[in-house]
Amino acid sequence: MNPQLQLRDIHLPAEPSWWPPAPGWWLLAILLILAAVLLTRWIWRHVRRRRRLTRLMAEFDAAASLGDPGARLAAISQLLRRAARLRDPRAASLQGEDWLRFLTRVDEQQPPATETWRILLNGPWQPQIDAAAVDALIDVARRCFLSLVTSP
């Protein structure tokens, strides 16, 4: 080795600083933030949907627990019309057999135009409403109401 050459020892480069992060870390941070925002939005919608469903079902149960059969029938009919408007805006204006056909399409467990649904058409104009018929309507109407408010 030539002593006249002024060679220095090997120097390692400086370690990279922690700031700014590499582009991969930026991408990972953006993806994590985006995932957190989407998850929060999904959870918020789910909570709102559950609260709304709980509120609507409580409203239906309050209407179903009214003492007077005529008032109970009117309240259930009004709730069914409001719920039908959620599925199809034109459904709230249906009358007579068309309204019954719409309800039986929603509630496929009941055959079309049964006496259970028919009380919605004839009941409000009768001087005496059969409380047993209104009670029979409540279970069917609750199932139909639930189907209307939960459908997209």
C-alpha atoms as a PDB file:
ATOM      1  CA  MET A   1       0.000   0.000   0.000  1.00  0.00           C
ATOM      2  CA  ASN A   2       1.276   3.417  -0.877  1.00  0.00           C
ATOM      3  CA  PRO A   3       1.560   5.571   2.245  1.00  0.00           C
ATOM      4  CA  GLN A   4       1.445   8.747   0.191  1.00  0.00           C
ATOM      5  CA  LEU A   5      -2.143   8.203  -0.814  1.00  0.00           C
ATOM      6  CA  GLN A   6      -4.273   9.909   1.678  1.00  0.00           C
ATOM      7  CA  LEU A   7      -7.115   7.403   1.855  1.00  0.00           C
ATOM      8  CA  ARG A   8      -9.754   7.671   4.463  1.00  0.00           C
ATOM      9  CA  ASP A   9     -11.730   4.921   6.078  1.00  0.00           C
ATOM     10  CA  ILE A  10     -15.133   3.931   4.614  1.00  0.00           C
ATOM     11  CA  HIS A  11     -17.973   6.200   5.774  1.00  0.00           C
ATOM     12  CA  LEU A  12     -21.523   4.897   5.898  1.00  0.00           C
ATOM     13  CA  PRO A  13     -24.254   7.213   4.619  1.00  0.00           C
ATOM     14  CA  ALA A  14     -26.468   8.947   7.168  1.00  0.00           C
ATOM     15  CA  GLU A  15     -29.570   7.051   8.231  1.00  0.00           C
ATOM     16  CA  PRO A  16     -32.732   8.246   6.547  1.00  0.00           C
ATOM     17  CA  SER A  17     -34.824  10.587   8.662  1.00  0.00           C
ATOM     18  CA  TRP A  18     -38.260   9.596   9.802  1.00  0.00           C
ATOM     19  CA  TRP A  19     -39.787  12.653   8.150  1.00  0.00           C
ATOM     20  CA  PRO A  20     -41.062  12.800   5.455  1.00  0.00           C
ATOM     21  CA  PRO A  21     -42.214   9.208   5.250  1.00  0.00           C
ATOM     22  CA  ALA A  22     -41.752   7.169   2.158  1.00  0.00           C
ATOM     23  CA  PRO A  23     -44.567   7.275  -0.438  1.00  0.00           C
ATOM     24  CA  GLY A  24     -45.741   3.812   0.604  1.00  0.00           C
ATOM     25  CA  TRP A  25     -46.454   5.048   4.132  1.00  0.00           C
ATOM     26  CA  TRP A  26     -48.418   7.997   2.739  1.00  0.00           C
ATOM     27  CA  LEU A  27     -50.476   5.612   0.639  1.00  0.00           C
ATOM     28  CA  LEU A  28     -51.066   3.334   3.623  1.00  0.00           C
ATOM     29  CA  ALA A  29     -52.143   6.316   5.771  1.00  0.00           C
ATOM     30  CA  ILE A  30     -54.583   7.495   3.094  1.00  0.00           C
ATOM     31  CA  LEU A  31     -56.055   3.998   2.750  1.00  0.00           C
ATOM     32  CA  LEU A  32     -56.445   3.639   6.531  1.00  0.00           C
ATOM     33  CA  ILE A  33     -58.145   7.033   6.797  1.00  0.00           C
ATOM     34  CA  LEU A  34     -60.448   6.182   3.904  1.00  0.00           C
ATOM     35  CA  ALA A  35     -61.311   2.807   5.476  1.00  0.00           C
ATOM     36  CA  ALA A  36     -62.025   4.492   8.817  1.00  0.00           C
ATOM     37  CA  VAL A  37     -64.299   7.076   7.165  1.00  0.00           C
ATOM     38  CA  LEU A  38     -66.205   4.401   5.224  1.00  0.00           C
ATOM     39  CA  LEU A  39     -66.578   2.188   8.305  1.00  0.00           C
ATOM     40  CA  THR A  40     -67.785   5.122  10.399  1.00  0.00           C
ATOM     41  CA  ARG A  41     -70.279   6.076   7.694  1.00  0.00           C
ATOM     42  CA  TRP A  42     -71.580   2.508   7.440  1.00  0.00           C
ATOM     43  CA  ILE A  43     -71.922   2.215  11.231  1.00  0.00           C
ATOM     44  CA  TRP A  44     -73.693   5.588  11.418  1.00  0.00           C
ATOM     45  CA  ARG A  45     -76.172   4.594   8.699  1.00  0.00           C
ATOM     46  CA  HIS A  46     -76.797   1.262  10.384  1.00  0.00           C
ATOM     47  CA  VAL A  47     -77.442   2.952  13.750  1.00  0.00           C
ATOM     48  CA  ARG A  48     -79.750   5.524  12.152  1.00  0.00           C
ATOM     49  CA  ARG A  49     -81.641   2.786  10.293  1.00  0.00           C
ATOM     50  CA  ARG A  50     -82.089   0.778  13.516  1.00  0.00           C
ATOM     51  CA  ARG A  51     -83.256   3.851  15.447  1.00  0.00           C
ATOM     52  CA  ARG A  52     -85.706   4.734  12.699  1.00  0.00           C
ATOM     53  CA  LEU A  53     -87.059   1.188  12.561  1.00  0.00           C
ATOM     54  CA  THR A  54     -87.397   1.090  16.349  1.00  0.00           C
ATOM     55  CA  ARG A  55     -89.232   4.425  16.332  1.00  0.00           C
ATOM     56  CA  LEU A  56     -91.587   3.336  13.530  1.00  0.00           C
ATOM     57  CA  MET A  57     -92.363   0.007  15.188  1.00  0.00           C
ATOM     58  CA  ALA A  58     -93.030   1.787  18.494  1.00  0.00           C
ATOM     59  CA  GLU A  59     -95.418   4.075  16.634  1.00  0.00           C
ATOM     60  CA  PHE A  60     -97.155   1.058  15.113  1.00  0.00           C
ATOM     61  CA  ASP A  61     -97.400  -0.658  18.506  1.00  0.00           C
ATOM     62  CA  ALA A  62     -98.858   2.512  20.017  1.00  0.00           C
ATOM     63  CA  ALA A  63    -101.475   2.615  17.257  1.00  0.00           C
ATOM     64  CA  ALA A  64    -102.219  -1.088  17.715  1.00  0.00           C
ATOM     65  CA  SER A  65    -102.753  -0.649  21.441  1.00  0.00           C
ATOM     66  CA  LEU A  66    -105.449   2.021  21.153  1.00  0.00           C
ATOM     67  CA  GLY A  67    -108.616   1.025  22.973  1.00  0.00           C
ATOM     68  CA  ASP A  68    -111.253   1.975  20.423  1.00  0.00           C
ATOM     69  CA  PRO A  69    -111.309  -0.435  17.438  1.00  0.00           C
ATOM     70  CA  GLY A  70    -112.249   2.392  15.057  1.00  0.00           C
ATOM     71  CA  ALA A  71    -109.357   4.572  16.197  1.00  0.00           C
ATOM     72  CA  ARG A  72    -107.024   1.566  16.052  1.00  0.00           C
ATOM     73  CA  LEU A  73    -108.131   0.758  12.510  1.00  0.00           C
ATOM     74  CA  ALA A  74    -107.739   4.380  11.366  1.00  0.00           C
ATOM     75  CA  ALA A  75    -104.277   4.662  12.912  1.00  0.00           C
ATOM     76  CA  ILE A  76    -103.090   1.383  11.371  1.00  0.00           C
ATOM     77  CA  SER A  77    -104.492   2.393   7.981  1.00  0.00           C
ATOM     78  CA  GLN A  78    -102.706   5.732   8.163  1.00  0.00           C
ATOM     79  CA  LEU A  79     -99.406   4.081   9.126  1.00  0.00           C
ATOM     80  CA  LEU A  80     -99.716   1.577   6.294  1.00  0.00           C
ATOM     81  CA  ARG A  81    -100.315   4.401   3.808  1.00  0.00           C
ATOM     82  CA  ARG A  82     -97.295   6.329   5.099  1.00  0.00           C
ATOM     83  CA  ALA A  83     -95.138   3.211   4.878  1.00  0.00           C
ATOM     84  CA  ALA A  84     -96.453   2.407   1.386  1.00  0.00           C
ATOM     85  CA  ARG A  85     -95.373   5.848   0.259  1.00  0.00           C
ATOM     86  CA  LEU A  86     -91.791   4.892   1.171  1.00  0.00           C
ATOM     87  CA  ARG A  87     -91.830   2.019  -1.288  1.00  0.00           C
ATOM     88  CA  ASP A  88     -93.873   3.624  -4.048  1.00  0.00           C
ATOM     89  CA  PRO A  89     -94.991   7.285  -3.906  1.00  0.00           C
ATOM     90  CA  ARG A  90     -98.101   6.445  -5.945  1.00  0.00           C
ATOM     91  CA  ALA A  91     -99.190   3.725  -3.498  1.00  0.00           C
ATOM     92  CA  ALA A  92    -100.592   6.162  -0.949  1.00  0.00           C
ATOM     93  CA  SER A  93    -103.213   7.327  -3.441  1.00  0.00           C
ATOM     94  CA  LEU A  94    -104.470   3.822  -4.288  1.00  0.00           C
ATOM     95  CA  GLN A  95    -108.097   3.161  -3.437  1.00  0.00           C
ATOM     96  CA  GLY A  96    -110.307   0.108  -2.982  1.00  0.00           C
ATOM     97  CA  GLU A  97    -109.219  -3.141  -4.568  1.00  0.00           C
ATOM     98  CA  ASP A  98    -106.022  -1.573  -5.931  1.00  0.00           C
ATOM     99  CA  TRP A  99    -104.962  -0.739  -2.362  1.00  0.00           C
ATOM    100  CA  LEU A 100    -105.739  -4.296  -1.240  1.00  0.00           C
ATOM    101  CA  ARG A 101    -103.787  -5.747  -4.166  1.00  0.00           C
ATOM    102  CA  PHE A 102    -100.812  -3.571  -3.252  1.00  0.00           C
ATOM    103  CA  LEU A 103    -100.931  -4.755   0.360  1.00  0.00           C
ATOM    104  CA  THR A 104    -101.261  -8.404  -0.620  1.00  0.00           C
ATOM    105  CA  ARG A 105     -98.291  -8.058  -2.976  1.00  0.00           C
ATOM    106  CA  VAL A 106     -96.255  -6.746  -0.053  1.00  0.00           C
ATOM    107  CA  ASP A 107     -97.549  -9.410   2.329  1.00  0.00           C
ATOM    108  CA  GLU A 108     -97.353 -12.528   0.194  1.00  0.00           C
ATOM    109  CA  GLN A 109     -98.260 -14.780   3.119  1.00  0.00           C
ATOM    110  CA  GLN A 110    -101.880 -13.657   2.855  1.00  0.00           C
ATOM    111  CA  PRO A 111    -103.939 -14.554  -0.223  1.00  0.00           C
ATOM    112  CA  PRO A 112    -105.289 -11.574  -2.201  1.00  0.00           C
ATOM    113  CA  ALA A 113    -108.373  -9.720  -0.952  1.00  0.00           C
ATOM    114  CA  THR A 114    -108.860 -11.671   2.262  1.00  0.00           C
ATOM    115  CA  GLU A 115    -111.332 -10.562   4.871  1.00  0.00           C
ATOM    116  CA  THR A 116    -108.398  -9.616   7.060  1.00  0.00           C
ATOM    117  CA  TRP A 117    -107.415  -6.841   4.657  1.00  0.00           C
ATOM    118  CA  ARG A 118    -110.985  -6.055   3.630  1.00  0.00           C
ATOM    119  CA  ILE A 119    -111.706  -4.424   6.990  1.00  0.00           C
ATOM    120  CA  LEU A 120    -109.408  -1.583   5.908  1.00  0.00           C
ATOM    121  CA  LEU A 121    -111.887  -0.783   3.138  1.00  0.00           C
ATOM    122  CA  ASN A 122    -115.179  -1.369   4.925  1.00  0.00           C
ATOM    123  CA  GLY A 123    -114.326  -0.783   8.569  1.00  0.00           C
ATOM    124  CA  PRO A 124    -114.155   3.011   8.784  1.00  0.00           C
ATOM    125  CA  TRP A 125    -117.722   3.400   7.481  1.00  0.00           C
ATOM    126  CA  GLN A 126    -119.358   0.795   9.682  1.00  0.00           C
ATOM    127  CA  PRO A 127    -121.178   1.977  12.803  1.00  0.00           C
ATOM    128  CA  GLN A 128    -119.777  -0.935  14.807  1.00  0.00           C
ATOM    129  CA  ILE A 129    -116.363  -2.356  14.055  1.00  0.00           C
ATOM    130  CA  ASP A 130    -115.659  -5.920  15.069  1.00  0.00           C
ATOM    131  CA  ALA A 131    -112.765  -5.734  17.569  1.00  0.00           C
ATOM    132  CA  ALA A 132    -111.758  -9.331  16.775  1.00  0.00           C
ATOM    133  CA  ALA A 133    -111.389  -8.481  13.082  1.00  0.00           C
ATOM    134  CA  VAL A 134    -109.207  -5.495  13.950  1.00  0.00           C
ATOM    135  CA  ASP A 135    -107.134  -7.709  16.267  1.00  0.00           C
ATOM    136  CA  ALA A 136    -106.697 -10.213  13.428  1.00  0.00           C
ATOM    137  CA  LEU A 137    -105.575  -7.379  11.166  1.00  0.00           C
ATOM    138  CA  ILE A 138    -102.902  -6.187  13.597  1.00  0.00           C
ATOM    139  CA  ASP A 139    -100.526  -9.141  13.133  1.00  0.00           C
ATOM    140  CA  VAL A 140    -100.870  -9.117   9.356  1.00  0.00           C
ATOM    141  CA  ALA A 141    -100.582  -5.331   9.193  1.00  0.00           C
ATOM    142  CA  ARG A 142     -97.516  -5.369  11.476  1.00  0.00           C
ATOM    143  CA  ARG A 143     -95.766  -7.842   9.191  1.00  0.00           C
ATOM    144  CA  CYS A 144     -96.726  -5.787   6.132  1.00  0.00           C
ATOM    145  CA  PHE A 145     -95.666  -2.536   7.824  1.00  0.00           C
ATOM    146  CA  LEU A 146     -92.301  -4.033   8.763  1.00  0.00           C
ATOM    147  CA  SER A 147     -91.830  -5.220   5.191  1.00  0.00           C
ATOM    148  CA  LEU A 148     -92.682  -1.773   3.819  1.00  0.00           C
ATOM    149  CA  VAL A 149     -90.361   0.199   6.091  1.00  0.00           C
ATOM    150  CA  THR A 150     -87.400  -2.175   5.735  1.00  0.00           C
ATOM    151  CA  SER A 151     -87.520  -2.604   1.972  1.00  0.00           C
ATOM    152  CA  PRO A 152     -85.174  -0.465  -0.116  1.00  0.00           C
END
